């Protein structure tokens, strides 16, 4: 199996590498992982040709998204796909719980959109569904 091979994602026009990297373990899902180790795993995945990365706000209360952002921020944006989940509002003053659920994508950080229509990028790489097909480029 070729991990660099691109396949269609479901019935969408989006293509992703056959192998992806799930980042929950990089935020301490099973054991503590320091930042350098987490970022290095993402960099090694990139070197191996993986261009599909999965993260979520609840992975380490935002820690996985921060680490993914640090590792990918200088990579060409049109070369990778970043998947995340929506529906949770992270607040610095509260641990994650059912009461922090939100029906809209809300963040305390400013939102900027990427050139990929299905993604929205924030300073913490919290992404929401983007419905418009054209979006302004995100600052580097």
C-alpha atoms as a PDB file:
ATOM      1  CA  UNK A   1       0.000   0.000   0.000  1.00  0.00           C
ATOM      2  CA  UNK A   2       1.357   3.413  -0.977  1.00  0.00           C
ATOM      3  CA  UNK A   3       0.774   5.973   1.823  1.00  0.00           C
ATOM      4  CA  UNK A   4       1.343   8.820  -0.653  1.00  0.00           C
ATOM      5  CA  UNK A   5      -1.452   7.669  -2.959  1.00  0.00           C
ATOM      6  CA  UNK A   6      -4.370  10.091  -3.068  1.00  0.00           C
ATOM      7  CA  UNK A   7      -7.942   8.814  -2.829  1.00  0.00           C
ATOM      8  CA  UNK A   8     -11.299  10.583  -2.920  1.00  0.00           C
ATOM      9  CA  UNK A   9     -12.802  11.294   0.475  1.00  0.00           C
ATOM     10  CA  UNK A  10     -16.262   9.718   0.396  1.00  0.00           C
ATOM     11  CA  UNK A  11     -18.499  11.237  -2.255  1.00  0.00           C
ATOM     12  CA  UNK A  12     -16.701  14.588  -2.180  1.00  0.00           C
ATOM     13  CA  UNK A  13     -14.274  16.000  -4.717  1.00  0.00           C
ATOM     14  CA  UNK A  14     -11.668  16.265  -1.951  1.00  0.00           C
ATOM     15  CA  UNK A  15      -8.686  13.930  -2.229  1.00  0.00           C
ATOM     16  CA  UNK A  16      -6.464  12.930   0.665  1.00  0.00           C
ATOM     17  CA  UNK A  17      -3.459  10.674   1.091  1.00  0.00           C
ATOM     18  CA  UNK A  18      -4.414   7.064   1.707  1.00  0.00           C
ATOM     19  CA  UNK A  19      -2.691   7.221   5.089  1.00  0.00           C
ATOM     20  CA  UNK A  20      -3.444  10.006   7.513  1.00  0.00           C
ATOM     21  CA  UNK A  21      -2.149  10.977  10.926  1.00  0.00           C
ATOM     22  CA  UNK A  22      -4.525  11.165  13.871  1.00  0.00           C
ATOM     23  CA  UNK A  23      -3.154  13.592  16.438  1.00  0.00           C
ATOM     24  CA  UNK A  24      -5.029  12.710  19.658  1.00  0.00           C
ATOM     25  CA  UNK A  25      -2.028  10.729  21.000  1.00  0.00           C
ATOM     26  CA  UNK A  26       0.219  13.767  20.394  1.00  0.00           C
ATOM     27  CA  UNK A  27      -1.821  15.691  22.957  1.00  0.00           C
ATOM     28  CA  UNK A  28      -1.444  13.088  25.681  1.00  0.00           C
ATOM     29  CA  UNK A  29      -4.288  10.658  24.969  1.00  0.00           C
ATOM     30  CA  UNK A  30      -2.346   7.620  26.213  1.00  0.00           C
ATOM     31  CA  UNK A  31       0.701   9.188  27.849  1.00  0.00           C
ATOM     32  CA  UNK A  32       2.371  12.565  28.174  1.00  0.00           C
ATOM     33  CA  UNK A  33       4.076  13.765  24.993  1.00  0.00           C
ATOM     34  CA  UNK A  34       6.252  16.854  25.060  1.00  0.00           C
ATOM     35  CA  UNK A  35       5.920  19.491  22.375  1.00  0.00           C
ATOM     36  CA  UNK A  36       9.154  18.642  20.587  1.00  0.00           C
ATOM     37  CA  UNK A  37       8.144  14.970  20.313  1.00  0.00           C
ATOM     38  CA  UNK A  38       4.657  15.834  19.063  1.00  0.00           C
ATOM     39  CA  UNK A  39       5.885  18.241  16.414  1.00  0.00           C
ATOM     40  CA  UNK A  40       8.579  15.773  15.326  1.00  0.00           C
ATOM     41  CA  UNK A  41       5.999  13.011  14.760  1.00  0.00           C
ATOM     42  CA  UNK A  42       4.071  15.342  12.445  1.00  0.00           C
ATOM     43  CA  UNK A  43       7.276  16.304  10.629  1.00  0.00           C
ATOM     44  CA  UNK A  44       8.194  12.613  10.151  1.00  0.00           C
ATOM     45  CA  UNK A  45       4.701  11.912   8.810  1.00  0.00           C
ATOM     46  CA  UNK A  46       5.239  14.751   6.301  1.00  0.00           C
ATOM     47  CA  UNK A  47       8.611  13.294   5.296  1.00  0.00           C
ATOM     48  CA  UNK A  48       6.878   9.926   4.728  1.00  0.00           C
ATOM     49  CA  UNK A  49       4.420  11.586   2.339  1.00  0.00           C
ATOM     50  CA  UNK A  50       1.392  11.832   4.610  1.00  0.00           C
ATOM     51  CA  UNK A  51      -0.673  14.907   3.787  1.00  0.00           C
ATOM     52  CA  UNK A  52      -3.911  14.163   5.675  1.00  0.00           C
ATOM     53  CA  UNK A  53      -3.941  15.227   9.322  1.00  0.00           C
ATOM     54  CA  UNK A  54      -6.815  14.756  11.763  1.00  0.00           C
ATOM     55  CA  UNK A  55      -7.165  16.801  14.933  1.00  0.00           C
ATOM     56  CA  UNK A  56      -9.841  18.218  17.235  1.00  0.00           C
ATOM     57  CA  UNK A  57     -10.294  20.913  19.867  1.00  0.00           C
ATOM     58  CA  UNK A  58     -10.899  18.265  22.523  1.00  0.00           C
ATOM     59  CA  UNK A  59      -7.582  16.483  21.936  1.00  0.00           C
ATOM     60  CA  UNK A  60      -5.682  17.768  24.931  1.00  0.00           C
ATOM     61  CA  UNK A  61      -8.044  20.758  25.227  1.00  0.00           C
ATOM     62  CA  UNK A  62      -6.598  22.294  22.061  1.00  0.00           C
ATOM     63  CA  UNK A  63      -3.050  21.005  22.476  1.00  0.00           C
ATOM     64  CA  UNK A  64      -3.147  18.748  19.404  1.00  0.00           C
ATOM     65  CA  UNK A  65      -4.347  21.615  17.207  1.00  0.00           C
ATOM     66  CA  UNK A  66      -1.576  23.861  18.491  1.00  0.00           C
ATOM     67  CA  UNK A  67       1.057  21.213  17.767  1.00  0.00           C
ATOM     68  CA  UNK A  68      -0.327  20.520  14.297  1.00  0.00           C
ATOM     69  CA  UNK A  69      -0.255  24.256  13.633  1.00  0.00           C
ATOM     70  CA  UNK A  70       3.372  24.546  14.712  1.00  0.00           C
ATOM     71  CA  UNK A  71       4.419  21.645  12.510  1.00  0.00           C
ATOM     72  CA  UNK A  72       2.446  22.623   9.408  1.00  0.00           C
ATOM     73  CA  UNK A  73       2.503  26.426   9.493  1.00  0.00           C
ATOM     74  CA  UNK A  74       5.337  26.726   6.982  1.00  0.00           C
ATOM     75  CA  UNK A  75       4.203  23.886   4.719  1.00  0.00           C
ATOM     76  CA  UNK A  76       2.529  24.759   1.397  1.00  0.00           C
ATOM     77  CA  UNK A  77      -1.176  25.030   2.322  1.00  0.00           C
ATOM     78  CA  UNK A  78      -2.396  23.509  -0.927  1.00  0.00           C
ATOM     79  CA  UNK A  79      -0.392  20.320  -0.263  1.00  0.00           C
ATOM     80  CA  UNK A  80      -2.215  19.009   2.811  1.00  0.00           C
ATOM     81  CA  UNK A  81      -5.692  18.459   4.204  1.00  0.00           C
ATOM     82  CA  UNK A  82      -6.456  19.218   7.829  1.00  0.00           C
ATOM     83  CA  UNK A  83      -9.576  17.648   9.311  1.00  0.00           C
ATOM     84  CA  UNK A  84     -11.062  18.667  12.632  1.00  0.00           C
ATOM     85  CA  UNK A  85     -14.339  18.542  14.494  1.00  0.00           C
ATOM     86  CA  UNK A  86     -16.761  21.317  15.337  1.00  0.00           C
ATOM     87  CA  UNK A  87     -19.404  21.938  17.948  1.00  0.00           C
ATOM     88  CA  UNK A  88     -17.333  22.657  21.039  1.00  0.00           C
ATOM     89  CA  UNK A  89     -16.379  25.992  22.511  1.00  0.00           C
ATOM     90  CA  UNK A  90     -13.061  25.955  24.328  1.00  0.00           C
ATOM     91  CA  UNK A  91     -12.772  28.396  27.196  1.00  0.00           C
ATOM     92  CA  UNK A  92      -9.535  29.029  29.061  1.00  0.00           C
ATOM     93  CA  UNK A  93     -11.426  29.304  32.355  1.00  0.00           C
ATOM     94  CA  UNK A  94     -13.260  25.965  32.141  1.00  0.00           C
ATOM     95  CA  UNK A  95     -12.325  22.336  31.554  1.00  0.00           C
ATOM     96  CA  UNK A  96     -14.060  20.531  28.685  1.00  0.00           C
ATOM     97  CA  UNK A  97     -17.527  19.324  29.606  1.00  0.00           C
ATOM     98  CA  UNK A  98     -21.006  18.877  28.179  1.00  0.00           C
ATOM     99  CA  UNK A  99     -21.816  22.445  29.201  1.00  0.00           C
ATOM    100  CA  UNK A 100     -19.192  23.813  26.796  1.00  0.00           C
ATOM    101  CA  UNK A 101     -20.992  22.396  23.760  1.00  0.00           C
ATOM    102  CA  UNK A 102     -21.814  24.947  21.103  1.00  0.00           C
ATOM    103  CA  UNK A 103     -23.962  24.688  17.993  1.00  0.00           C
ATOM    104  CA  UNK A 104     -21.852  27.180  16.069  1.00  0.00           C
ATOM    105  CA  UNK A 105     -18.172  27.490  15.438  1.00  0.00           C
ATOM    106  CA  UNK A 106     -17.021  30.044  17.968  1.00  0.00           C
ATOM    107  CA  UNK A 107     -13.529  30.911  19.021  1.00  0.00           C
ATOM    108  CA  UNK A 108     -11.904  33.650  21.035  1.00  0.00           C
ATOM    109  CA  UNK A 109      -9.220  33.873  18.362  1.00  0.00           C
ATOM    110  CA  UNK A 110      -9.807  35.700  15.072  1.00  0.00           C
ATOM    111  CA  UNK A 111     -10.872  33.478  12.199  1.00  0.00           C
ATOM    112  CA  UNK A 112      -9.231  33.655   8.787  1.00  0.00           C
ATOM    113  CA  UNK A 113     -10.117  31.394   5.900  1.00  0.00           C
ATOM    114  CA  UNK A 114      -7.821  29.313   3.744  1.00  0.00           C
ATOM    115  CA  UNK A 115      -7.942  28.611   0.055  1.00  0.00           C
ATOM    116  CA  UNK A 116      -9.471  25.179   0.751  1.00  0.00           C
ATOM    117  CA  UNK A 117     -13.253  25.661   0.711  1.00  0.00           C
ATOM    118  CA  UNK A 118     -13.927  23.062   3.400  1.00  0.00           C
ATOM    119  CA  UNK A 119     -11.630  24.601   5.986  1.00  0.00           C
ATOM    120  CA  UNK A 120     -11.341  27.697   8.094  1.00  0.00           C
ATOM    121  CA  UNK A 121      -8.089  28.422   9.865  1.00  0.00           C
ATOM    122  CA  UNK A 122      -7.622  30.262  13.117  1.00  0.00           C
ATOM    123  CA  UNK A 123      -4.513  31.136  15.040  1.00  0.00           C
ATOM    124  CA  UNK A 124      -5.010  27.882  16.975  1.00  0.00           C
ATOM    125  CA  UNK A 125      -5.964  25.836  13.894  1.00  0.00           C
ATOM    126  CA  UNK A 126      -9.539  25.411  15.038  1.00  0.00           C
ATOM    127  CA  UNK A 127     -11.451  24.719  11.862  1.00  0.00           C
ATOM    128  CA  UNK A 128     -15.126  24.885  10.949  1.00  0.00           C
ATOM    129  CA  UNK A 129     -17.033  23.974   7.827  1.00  0.00           C
ATOM    130  CA  UNK A 130     -16.713  26.630   5.141  1.00  0.00           C
ATOM    131  CA  UNK A 131     -19.640  26.873   2.753  1.00  0.00           C
ATOM    132  CA  UNK A 132     -18.356  29.429   0.257  1.00  0.00           C
ATOM    133  CA  UNK A 133     -16.269  28.138  -2.608  1.00  0.00           C
ATOM    134  CA  UNK A 134     -13.981  31.144  -2.698  1.00  0.00           C
ATOM    135  CA  UNK A 135     -12.194  32.349   0.370  1.00  0.00           C
ATOM    136  CA  UNK A 136      -9.371  34.823   0.940  1.00  0.00           C
ATOM    137  CA  UNK A 137      -5.928  33.420   1.595  1.00  0.00           C
ATOM    138  CA  UNK A 138      -4.820  33.027   5.173  1.00  0.00           C
ATOM    139  CA  UNK A 139      -1.803  34.959   6.360  1.00  0.00           C
ATOM    140  CA  UNK A 140       1.345  32.864   6.709  1.00  0.00           C
END
